[in-house]
Amino acid sequence: MGLLRRIRLRVVGGIDRPVTLLRLFLFASAVILVAGGLVLGSVLTQTLRAQTLAMERTSLAQYVDGVLGPVVVRRNRVVTTHWVSQTIRHALRNQPDVVSVKVWRADGTLAWTNLQPSRIGQRFELDGDLGEAMRDNRAVASIIAPDSEGEDAVESRLGFGHLIQVYAPLDNATRTHAIGAYEIYANPAHLEQLIGARVVTIWLTVGGVFATLWLALAFLVRGASRTLRLRTAQLRDRSARLAESYRLLEQSALEAVESLNAAVDAKDPYTAGHSLRVQEIALAIGRELGLPPGELDALGLAGLFHDIGKLRVPDAILTKPGPLTDDEFALIKRHPDDGAAIVGHLGRMKAAVPYIRHHHERWDGRGYPLRLGGDAIPVGAAIVGLADAWDAMTTERPYSRARTSHEAAQEIVRGRGTQFAPHVVDAFLATVDLARQPLAAAG
């Protein structure tokens, strides 16, 4: 029945592993999708911020340059007059987001500012974004928290936590290089509001798409799990039917072997009941040795069917009253291998096969069919061999008289360590009343 048990375990275990893998896949996909959504959302958000800031930079630079460029640049020089100042202030009123404008000359001199005019004429180092805008002749923008110290200290006192800062170059007439730059500070409130609304849209969209993907995966996994469970239920049902069929087939085969075994005993009226008696003695020895239930079951089967191979021995040889010739004895010696071959295809008999094949081995290595010796002989085979010898000695045969129990026990003791395994002999003697008599001394 071991094969059937393995089938059941594979059917039951076969569903658990795929379903567990599907659940792990669903969990892993959720983790991957969440991570992917966070990464994608972050990338899109950063891209949106950069693009929106670039658009704002371009818009502010173009507006300021369009209004101030024609009046600030004269003959490739940055000029600031009273009229220029009025023009700049008028421009600021039309663009309320712009809170401060500075006009720089190429040497780093502040030419004009609408806040704290006392700074006009001061020269500052051309570093950071201002120097970059002039050197590269391109606009640079960022959102900053104004520093309370330095040249933007005045802007820090306007009360804005953040400001959009744009540096836009003032080109010469041929637009080959910068002759100065605008520095524009603008209120970022509308920009941050716009970015915030779009960021929410991005995250909602990304979350919705990835959640939909995960729900689709969950639906597919659920469908696959249901299909697996349905197929498993069908396989379990088929397995149960197969197990029952196999059990009935094995039972029928075992009954057939039992009938054949009875036929072996029936060939010789002197050995009637021999197999049952060997089985009984072998089981008594096995229990004395403390063999586990599985080995006892195999031992009982081996004791019952140990001579099944004699089916292939001619009746004339089995019932011959006189001594056997060498050729006849060679045929007799084949019956352990023949018996193992006959019962070897039955699943329940598989563990008993070595006991049947080797029950005529001797402890001194002079037995058959493989001349095994000592501990190389399976314990079950050594037990069956001793039980077979005991019953043969105590049963009337045409070629030998039946010995008394005491005589047979003396013979068993003499064979201890030569024909029979010592521990098996000791266990056998412990199972019979003769063990209380001084038999060990005879050995």
Protein backbone atom coordinates (compact mmCIF):
# COMPACT_ATOMS: atom_id res chain seq x y z
CA MET A 1 0.00 0.00 0.00
CA GLY A 2 3.03 2.29 0.06
CA LEU A 3 2.47 3.23 -3.58
CA LEU A 4 -1.11 4.29 -2.89
CA ARG A 5 -0.04 6.37 0.08
CA ARG A 6 2.53 8.15 -2.10
CA ILE A 7 -0.17 8.83 -4.70
CA ARG A 8 -2.44 10.35 -2.06
CA LEU A 9 0.37 12.46 -0.64
CA ARG A 10 1.28 13.73 -4.11
CA VAL A 11 -2.33 14.63 -4.86
CA VAL A 12 -2.86 16.41 -1.54
CA GLY A 13 0.63 17.95 -1.45
CA GLY A 14 0.42 18.71 -5.16
CA ILE A 15 -2.31 21.32 -4.61
CA ASP A 16 -0.77 22.95 -1.56
CA ARG A 17 2.47 23.88 -3.28
CA PRO A 18 0.99 25.52 -6.43
CA VAL A 19 -1.64 27.40 -4.37
CA THR A 20 1.07 28.61 -1.98
CA LEU A 21 3.19 29.70 -4.95
CA LEU A 22 0.21 31.56 -6.43
CA ARG A 23 -0.35 33.37 -3.13
CA LEU A 24 3.33 34.24 -2.90
CA PHE A 25 3.18 35.48 -6.49
CA LEU A 26 0.16 37.64 -5.65
CA PHE A 27 1.92 39.07 -2.58
CA ALA A 28 5.16 39.63 -4.52
CA SER A 29 3.24 41.29 -7.36
CA ALA A 30 1.59 43.63 -4.85
CA VAL A 31 4.99 44.59 -3.43
CA ILE A 32 6.44 45.07 -6.93
CA LEU A 33 3.45 47.11 -8.10
CA VAL A 34 3.53 49.33 -5.00
CA ALA A 35 7.27 49.87 -5.43
CA GLY A 36 6.82 50.49 -9.14
CA GLY A 37 3.96 52.90 -8.49
CA LEU A 38 6.03 54.84 -5.96
CA VAL A 39 8.98 55.05 -8.34
CA LEU A 40 6.84 56.01 -11.33
CA GLY A 41 4.85 58.54 -9.29
CA SER A 42 8.04 60.08 -7.94
CA VAL A 43 9.62 60.29 -11.40
CA LEU A 44 6.49 61.84 -12.92
CA THR A 45 6.20 64.28 -10.03
CA GLN A 46 9.82 65.37 -10.33
CA THR A 47 9.44 65.68 -14.10
CA LEU A 48 6.29 67.74 -13.66
CA ARG A 49 7.99 70.05 -11.19
CA ALA A 50 11.00 70.51 -13.49
CA GLN A 51 8.87 71.13 -16.58
CA THR A 52 6.50 73.52 -14.80
CA LEU A 53 9.43 75.45 -13.33
CA ALA A 54 11.06 75.61 -16.78
CA MET A 55 7.83 76.97 -18.27
CA GLU A 56 7.57 79.53 -15.49
CA ARG A 57 11.22 80.50 -15.99
CA THR A 58 10.67 80.99 -19.70
CA SER A 59 7.45 82.92 -19.15
CA LEU A 60 8.97 85.29 -16.58
CA ALA A 61 12.17 85.82 -18.56
CA GLN A 62 10.29 86.53 -21.77
CA TYR A 63 7.90 88.92 -20.04
CA VAL A 64 10.60 90.89 -18.25
CA ASP A 65 12.87 90.96 -21.27
CA GLY A 66 10.03 91.99 -23.56
CA VAL A 67 9.15 94.92 -21.32
CA LEU A 68 12.60 95.98 -20.14
CA GLY A 69 14.97 94.86 -22.84
CA PRO A 70 14.24 97.72 -25.26
CA VAL A 71 14.83 100.39 -22.56
CA VAL A 72 17.64 98.79 -20.55
CA VAL A 73 20.01 97.85 -23.37
CA ARG A 74 21.59 100.80 -25.19
CA ARG A 75 24.51 100.34 -27.58
CA ASN A 76 25.39 96.99 -26.02
CA ARG A 77 25.37 98.51 -22.55
CA VAL A 78 23.04 98.21 -19.58
CA VAL A 79 21.66 101.69 -18.77
CA THR A 80 19.27 102.70 -16.04
CA THR A 81 17.59 106.10 -15.98
CA HIS A 82 14.63 107.54 -14.16
CA TRP A 83 12.49 106.71 -17.16
CA VAL A 84 13.76 103.09 -17.05
CA SER A 85 12.83 102.86 -13.38
CA GLN A 86 9.29 104.00 -14.07
CA THR A 87 8.99 101.50 -16.90
CA ILE A 88 10.10 98.65 -14.63
CA ARG A 89 7.68 99.65 -11.86
CA HIS A 90 4.85 99.83 -14.38
CA ALA A 91 5.76 96.36 -15.60
CA LEU A 92 5.69 94.97 -12.06
CA ARG A 93 2.18 96.33 -11.51
CA ASN A 94 0.98 94.39 -14.59
CA GLN A 95 2.58 91.16 -13.30
CA PRO A 96 1.56 90.88 -9.64
CA ASP A 97 3.40 87.58 -9.12
CA VAL A 98 6.74 89.36 -9.64
CA VAL A 99 7.80 90.79 -6.28
CA SER A 100 11.34 91.94 -7.07
CA VAL A 101 13.54 92.61 -10.09
CA LYS A 102 17.26 93.29 -10.21
CA VAL A 103 19.28 94.34 -13.22
CA TRP A 104 22.95 93.28 -13.25
CA ARG A 105 25.82 94.41 -15.37
CA ALA A 106 28.33 91.90 -16.72
CA ASP A 107 30.91 92.83 -14.09
CA GLY A 108 28.60 91.93 -11.21
CA THR A 109 27.44 95.47 -10.45
CA LEU A 110 23.83 95.84 -9.38
CA ALA A 111 22.50 98.40 -11.87
CA TRP A 112 18.93 98.64 -10.60
CA THR A 113 16.45 97.05 -8.13
CA ASN A 114 12.96 97.97 -7.10
CA LEU A 115 13.68 97.06 -3.46
CA GLN A 116 16.13 99.02 -1.30
CA PRO A 117 17.67 101.14 -4.09
CA SER A 118 20.61 101.89 -1.79
CA ARG A 119 22.10 98.62 -3.02
CA ILE A 120 22.39 100.01 -6.58
CA GLY A 121 26.00 100.39 -7.60
CA GLN A 122 27.28 97.66 -5.29
CA ARG A 123 29.34 94.95 -6.84
CA PHE A 124 28.98 91.29 -5.99
CA GLU A 125 30.81 88.15 -6.94
CA LEU A 126 29.52 86.48 -10.06
CA ASP A 127 28.96 83.08 -8.55
CA GLY A 128 26.12 80.57 -8.37
CA ASP A 129 23.17 80.84 -10.74
CA LEU A 130 23.92 84.49 -11.66
CA GLY A 131 27.40 83.65 -12.92
CA GLU A 132 26.06 80.55 -14.72
CA ALA A 133 23.37 82.54 -16.50
CA MET A 134 25.93 85.08 -17.76
CA ARG A 135 28.63 82.59 -18.70
CA ASP A 136 26.29 80.19 -20.50
CA ASN A 137 24.01 82.94 -21.81
CA ARG A 138 20.88 81.02 -20.73
CA ALA A 139 18.15 81.44 -18.15
CA VAL A 140 18.41 79.56 -14.84
CA ALA A 141 15.50 79.06 -12.43
CA SER A 142 14.89 77.47 -9.04
CA ILE A 143 12.56 77.65 -6.06
CA ILE A 144 14.48 78.94 -3.06
CA ALA A 145 14.05 79.94 0.56
CA PRO A 146 15.64 83.45 0.58
CA ASP A 147 18.77 83.73 2.71
CA SER A 148 18.54 86.31 5.48
CA GLU A 149 22.15 87.26 4.75
CA GLY A 150 23.78 88.22 1.45
CA GLU A 151 22.49 90.06 -1.56
CA ASP A 152 18.96 88.54 -1.37
CA ALA A 153 18.54 89.44 2.32
CA VAL A 154 15.99 92.12 1.36
CA GLU A 155 13.81 89.53 -0.41
CA SER A 156 13.93 87.29 2.65
CA ARG A 157 12.06 89.98 4.60
CA LEU A 158 9.07 90.00 2.23
CA GLY A 159 7.41 87.21 4.21
CA PHE A 160 7.49 84.46 1.59
CA GLY A 161 8.63 81.04 2.70
CA HIS A 162 9.68 80.24 -0.87
CA LEU A 163 10.29 82.31 -3.97
CA ILE A 164 10.81 81.51 -7.62
CA GLN A 165 14.23 82.87 -8.53
CA VAL A 166 15.02 83.39 -12.23
CA TYR A 167 18.29 84.62 -13.72
CA ALA A 168 17.83 85.65 -17.40
CA PRO A 169 20.76 86.96 -19.46
CA LEU A 170 20.65 90.34 -21.19
CA ASP A 171 22.04 89.76 -24.68
CA ASN A 172 23.99 92.21 -26.77
CA ALA A 173 22.60 93.44 -30.07
CA THR A 174 23.90 90.43 -31.99
CA ARG A 175 22.87 88.01 -29.21
CA THR A 176 26.35 86.48 -29.08
CA HIS A 177 27.02 87.03 -25.40
CA ALA A 178 25.44 88.39 -22.22
CA ILE A 179 26.10 91.99 -21.24
CA GLY A 180 24.13 91.67 -18.04
CA ALA A 181 21.25 89.77 -16.47
CA TYR A 182 17.84 90.09 -14.90
CA GLU A 183 17.28 88.60 -11.47
CA ILE A 184 13.56 88.03 -10.95
CA TYR A 185 11.83 86.92 -7.76
CA ALA A 186 8.21 85.75 -8.08
CA ASN A 187 5.56 84.47 -5.70
CA PRO A 188 5.36 80.68 -6.22
CA ALA A 189 1.83 80.33 -4.81
CA HIS A 190 0.06 79.85 -8.13
CA LEU A 191 2.85 77.60 -9.40
CA GLU A 192 2.75 75.41 -6.29
CA GLN A 193 -1.04 75.26 -6.51
CA LEU A 194 -0.83 74.17 -10.12
CA ILE A 195 1.87 71.59 -9.35
CA GLY A 196 -0.07 70.34 -6.32
CA ALA A 197 -3.24 69.75 -8.36
CA ARG A 198 -1.31 67.92 -11.07
CA VAL A 199 0.64 65.88 -8.53
CA VAL A 200 -2.62 64.69 -6.99
CA THR A 201 -3.83 63.75 -10.47
CA ILE A 202 -0.59 61.88 -11.16
CA TRP A 203 -0.75 59.88 -7.93
CA LEU A 204 -4.44 59.09 -8.34
CA THR A 205 -3.84 57.94 -11.89
CA VAL A 206 -0.78 55.87 -11.06
CA GLY A 207 -2.50 54.38 -8.01
CA GLY A 208 -5.63 53.58 -10.01
CA VAL A 209 -3.71 51.94 -12.85
CA PHE A 210 -1.52 49.83 -10.57
CA ALA A 211 -4.46 48.90 -8.34
CA THR A 212 -6.38 47.79 -11.42
CA LEU A 213 -3.42 45.70 -12.54
CA TRP A 214 -3.19 44.04 -9.10
CA LEU A 215 -6.93 43.37 -9.00
CA ALA A 216 -6.67 41.78 -12.44
CA LEU A 217 -3.80 39.59 -11.20
CA ALA A 218 -5.78 38.72 -8.07
CA PHE A 219 -8.74 37.74 -10.22
CA LEU A 220 -6.52 35.55 -12.41
CA VAL A 221 -4.87 33.95 -9.37
CA ARG A 222 -8.23 33.29 -7.78
CA GLY A 223 -9.44 31.67 -10.98
CA ALA A 224 -6.28 29.58 -11.22
CA SER A 225 -6.64 28.51 -7.56
CA ARG A 226 -10.24 27.45 -8.14
CA THR A 227 -9.22 25.48 -11.21
CA LEU A 228 -6.40 23.79 -9.28
CA ARG A 229 -8.74 22.90 -6.42
CA LEU A 230 -11.30 21.50 -8.84
CA ARG A 231 -8.67 19.44 -10.63
CA THR A 232 -7.30 18.29 -7.27
CA ALA A 233 -10.74 17.19 -6.11
CA GLN A 234 -11.11 15.21 -9.32
CA LEU A 235 -7.65 13.70 -8.89
CA ARG A 236 -8.38 12.87 -5.25
CA ASP A 237 -11.56 11.09 -6.30
CA ARG A 238 -9.73 9.19 -9.01
CA SER A 239 -6.96 8.39 -6.56
CA ALA A 240 -9.46 6.98 -4.10
CA ARG A 241 -11.01 4.81 -6.79
CA LEU A 242 -7.56 3.74 -7.95
CA ALA A 243 -6.54 2.93 -4.39
CA GLU A 244 -9.60 0.78 -3.89
CA SER A 245 -9.02 -0.97 -7.21
CA TYR A 246 -5.37 -1.50 -6.34
CA ARG A 247 -6.30 -2.84 -2.90
CA LEU A 248 -8.75 -5.30 -4.40
CA LEU A 249 -6.24 -6.33 -7.07
CA GLU A 250 -3.50 -6.80 -4.47
CA GLN A 251 -5.88 -8.75 -2.25
CA SER A 252 -6.80 -10.98 -5.16
CA ALA A 253 -3.14 -11.50 -6.04
CA LEU A 254 -2.30 -12.29 -2.41
CA GLU A 255 -5.14 -14.79 -2.25
CA ALA A 256 -3.85 -16.38 -5.45
CA VAL A 257 -0.36 -16.64 -3.95
CA GLU A 258 -1.85 -18.15 -0.81
CA SER A 259 -3.59 -20.73 -2.96
CA LEU A 260 -0.33 -21.50 -4.72
CA ASN A 261 1.43 -21.73 -1.37
CA ALA A 262 -1.22 -24.19 -0.16
CA ALA A 263 -0.58 -26.16 -3.31
CA VAL A 264 3.10 -26.41 -2.34
CA ASP A 265 2.19 -27.78 1.06
CA ALA A 266 -0.30 -30.16 -0.55
CA LYS A 267 2.41 -31.66 -2.77
CA ASP A 268 3.86 -33.42 0.26
CA PRO A 269 1.44 -34.72 2.92
CA TYR A 270 4.31 -34.82 5.40
CA THR A 271 4.72 -31.01 5.24
CA ALA A 272 1.05 -30.04 5.54
CA GLY A 273 0.75 -26.89 7.64
CA HIS A 274 4.51 -26.29 7.49
CA SER A 275 4.21 -22.69 6.23
CA LEU A 276 1.73 -21.68 8.93
CA ARG A 277 3.90 -23.19 11.66
CA VAL A 278 7.02 -21.39 10.32
CA GLN A 279 5.06 -18.14 10.26
CA GLU A 280 3.95 -18.62 13.90
CA ILE A 281 7.46 -19.43 15.15
CA ALA A 282 9.05 -16.56 13.17
CA LEU A 283 6.59 -14.03 14.57
CA ALA A 284 7.26 -15.26 18.12
CA ILE A 285 11.01 -14.77 17.62
CA GLY A 286 10.47 -11.35 16.02
CA ARG A 287 8.37 -10.14 18.92
CA GLU A 288 10.99 -11.41 21.36
CA LEU A 289 13.63 -9.37 19.47
CA GLY A 290 11.38 -6.29 19.65
CA LEU A 291 11.02 -5.79 15.90
CA PRO A 292 8.76 -2.86 14.89
CA PRO A 293 5.28 -3.55 13.44
CA GLY A 294 6.36 -3.03 9.84
CA GLU A 295 9.14 -5.60 10.08
CA LEU A 296 6.84 -8.03 11.92
CA ASP A 297 4.33 -7.76 9.07
CA ALA A 298 7.06 -8.52 6.51
CA LEU A 299 8.34 -11.35 8.72
CA GLY A 300 4.89 -12.96 8.91
CA LEU A 301 4.51 -12.84 5.11
CA ALA A 302 8.02 -14.23 4.61
CA GLY A 303 7.33 -17.09 7.04
CA LEU A 304 4.10 -17.95 5.22
CA PHE A 305 5.51 -17.78 1.70
CA HIS A 306 9.16 -18.77 2.24
CA ASP A 307 8.75 -21.99 0.19
CA ILE A 308 6.55 -20.55 -2.61
CA GLY A 309 9.50 -20.99 -5.00
CA LYS A 310 9.12 -24.78 -4.74
CA LEU A 311 6.29 -24.43 -7.25
CA ARG A 312 9.05 -24.56 -9.88
CA VAL A 313 10.56 -27.74 -8.42
CA PRO A 314 9.27 -31.03 -9.92
CA ASP A 315 7.08 -33.07 -7.58
CA ALA A 316 9.33 -36.09 -8.00
CA ILE A 317 12.21 -34.20 -6.43
CA LEU A 318 10.13 -32.67 -3.62
CA THR A 319 8.68 -36.03 -2.53
CA LYS A 320 11.72 -38.17 -3.23
CA PRO A 321 12.22 -40.45 -0.19
CA GLY A 322 15.94 -40.95 -0.68
CA PRO A 323 18.99 -38.71 -0.99
CA LEU A 324 19.00 -36.09 -3.76
CA THR A 325 21.55 -36.05 -6.56
CA ASP A 326 23.71 -32.94 -7.08
CA ASP A 327 21.52 -31.80 -9.97
CA GLU A 328 18.35 -32.34 -7.95
CA PHE A 329 19.78 -30.41 -5.00
CA ALA A 330 20.81 -27.60 -7.38
CA LEU A 331 17.14 -27.31 -8.41
CA ILE A 332 16.08 -27.28 -4.77
CA LYS A 333 18.57 -24.49 -4.00
CA ARG A 334 16.92 -22.27 -6.61
CA HIS A 335 13.62 -22.08 -4.74
CA PRO A 336 14.55 -19.01 -2.57
CA ASP A 337 15.32 -16.94 -5.68
CA ASP A 338 12.26 -18.32 -7.48
CA GLY A 339 10.06 -17.48 -4.49
CA ALA A 340 11.40 -13.92 -4.34
CA ALA A 341 10.68 -13.53 -8.05
CA ILE A 342 7.11 -14.83 -7.67
CA VAL A 343 6.07 -12.47 -4.86
CA GLY A 344 8.37 -9.54 -5.76
CA HIS A 345 5.73 -7.84 -7.92
CA LEU A 346 3.25 -7.50 -5.06
CA GLY A 347 3.56 -4.15 -3.30
CA ARG A 348 2.67 -5.54 0.11
CA MET A 349 5.29 -8.29 -0.24
CA LYS A 350 8.17 -6.01 -1.23
CA ALA A 351 9.66 -5.82 2.27
CA ALA A 352 9.42 -9.61 2.66
CA VAL A 353 11.36 -10.39 -0.54
CA PRO A 354 14.88 -10.27 1.06
CA TYR A 355 13.70 -12.55 3.89
CA ILE A 356 12.42 -15.12 1.39
CA ARG A 357 15.50 -14.92 -0.84
CA HIS A 358 18.02 -15.38 2.00
CA HIS A 359 16.28 -17.69 4.50
CA HIS A 360 18.72 -20.52 3.58
CA GLU A 361 21.88 -18.45 4.17
CA ARG A 362 24.11 -19.56 7.08
CA TRP A 363 25.86 -17.46 9.71
CA ASP A 364 29.20 -19.01 8.65
CA GLY A 365 28.63 -18.06 5.01
CA ARG A 366 28.12 -21.59 3.68
CA GLY A 367 24.46 -21.22 2.80
CA TYR A 368 22.68 -20.30 -0.45
CA PRO A 369 21.87 -18.65 -2.82
CA LEU A 370 24.52 -15.88 -2.27
CA ARG A 371 26.61 -17.39 0.55
CA LEU A 372 26.02 -14.39 2.77
CA GLY A 373 27.38 -14.56 6.30
CA GLY A 374 27.11 -12.83 9.66
CA ASP A 375 25.33 -9.50 9.82
CA ALA A 376 25.08 -9.41 6.01
CA ILE A 377 22.09 -11.75 6.37
CA PRO A 378 18.84 -9.77 6.92
CA VAL A 379 17.50 -10.37 10.44
CA GLY A 380 14.13 -11.46 9.04
CA ALA A 381 15.81 -14.04 6.80
CA ALA A 382 17.82 -15.43 9.75
CA ILE A 383 14.61 -15.74 11.78
CA VAL A 384 12.68 -17.50 9.00
CA GLY A 385 15.66 -19.82 8.41
CA LEU A 386 15.73 -20.91 12.06
CA ALA A 387 11.93 -21.35 12.20
CA ASP A 388 12.06 -23.42 8.98
CA ALA A 389 14.83 -25.63 10.40
CA TRP A 390 12.98 -26.15 13.70
CA ASP A 391 9.75 -27.24 11.99
CA ALA A 392 11.67 -29.51 9.60
CA MET A 393 13.40 -31.22 12.53
CA THR A 394 10.22 -31.70 14.57
CA THR A 395 8.08 -32.96 11.65
CA GLU A 396 8.03 -36.55 10.39
CA ARG A 397 9.59 -36.76 6.92
CA PRO A 398 10.03 -39.77 4.62
CA TYR A 399 13.79 -39.35 4.79
CA SER A 400 14.09 -38.50 8.51
CA ARG A 401 12.18 -39.13 11.70
CA ALA A 402 10.68 -36.33 13.74
CA ARG A 403 12.92 -35.29 16.61
CA THR A 404 11.66 -34.41 20.03
CA SER A 405 11.51 -30.77 21.02
CA HIS A 406 14.46 -31.27 23.33
CA GLU A 407 16.53 -32.97 20.61
CA ALA A 408 15.68 -30.25 18.09
CA ALA A 409 16.55 -27.55 20.61
CA GLN A 410 19.91 -29.20 21.24
CA GLU A 411 20.53 -29.16 17.48
CA ILE A 412 19.60 -25.47 17.30
CA VAL A 413 22.02 -24.68 20.10
CA ARG A 414 24.81 -26.62 18.36
CA GLY A 415 24.22 -24.53 15.24
CA ARG A 416 24.49 -21.24 17.14
CA GLY A 417 27.18 -19.11 15.48
CA THR A 418 27.62 -21.53 12.55
CA GLN A 419 24.28 -22.16 10.89
CA PHE A 420 22.16 -19.74 12.92
CA ALA A 421 22.61 -16.14 14.11
CA PRO A 422 23.46 -16.18 17.83
CA HIS A 423 20.97 -13.49 18.84
CA VAL A 424 18.20 -15.21 16.88
CA VAL A 425 18.93 -18.51 18.65
CA ASP A 426 18.81 -16.76 22.04
CA ALA A 427 15.48 -15.11 21.19
CA PHE A 428 14.06 -18.44 19.97
CA LEU A 429 15.08 -20.28 23.16
CA ALA A 430 13.48 -17.50 25.21
CA THR A 431 10.13 -18.19 23.54
CA VAL A 432 9.93 -21.91 24.45
CA ASP A 433 9.77 -23.69 27.78
CA LEU A 434 12.99 -25.51 26.89
CA ALA A 435 14.82 -22.26 27.63
CA ARG A 436 14.58 -23.13 31.31
CA GLN A 437 16.58 -26.35 30.73
CA PRO A 438 20.43 -26.34 30.49
CA LEU A 439 20.51 -26.29 26.66
CA ALA A 440 23.11 -23.54 26.34
CA ALA A 441 25.72 -25.80 27.86
CA ALA A 442 25.31 -28.15 24.97
CA GLY A 443 26.47 -25.43 22.60
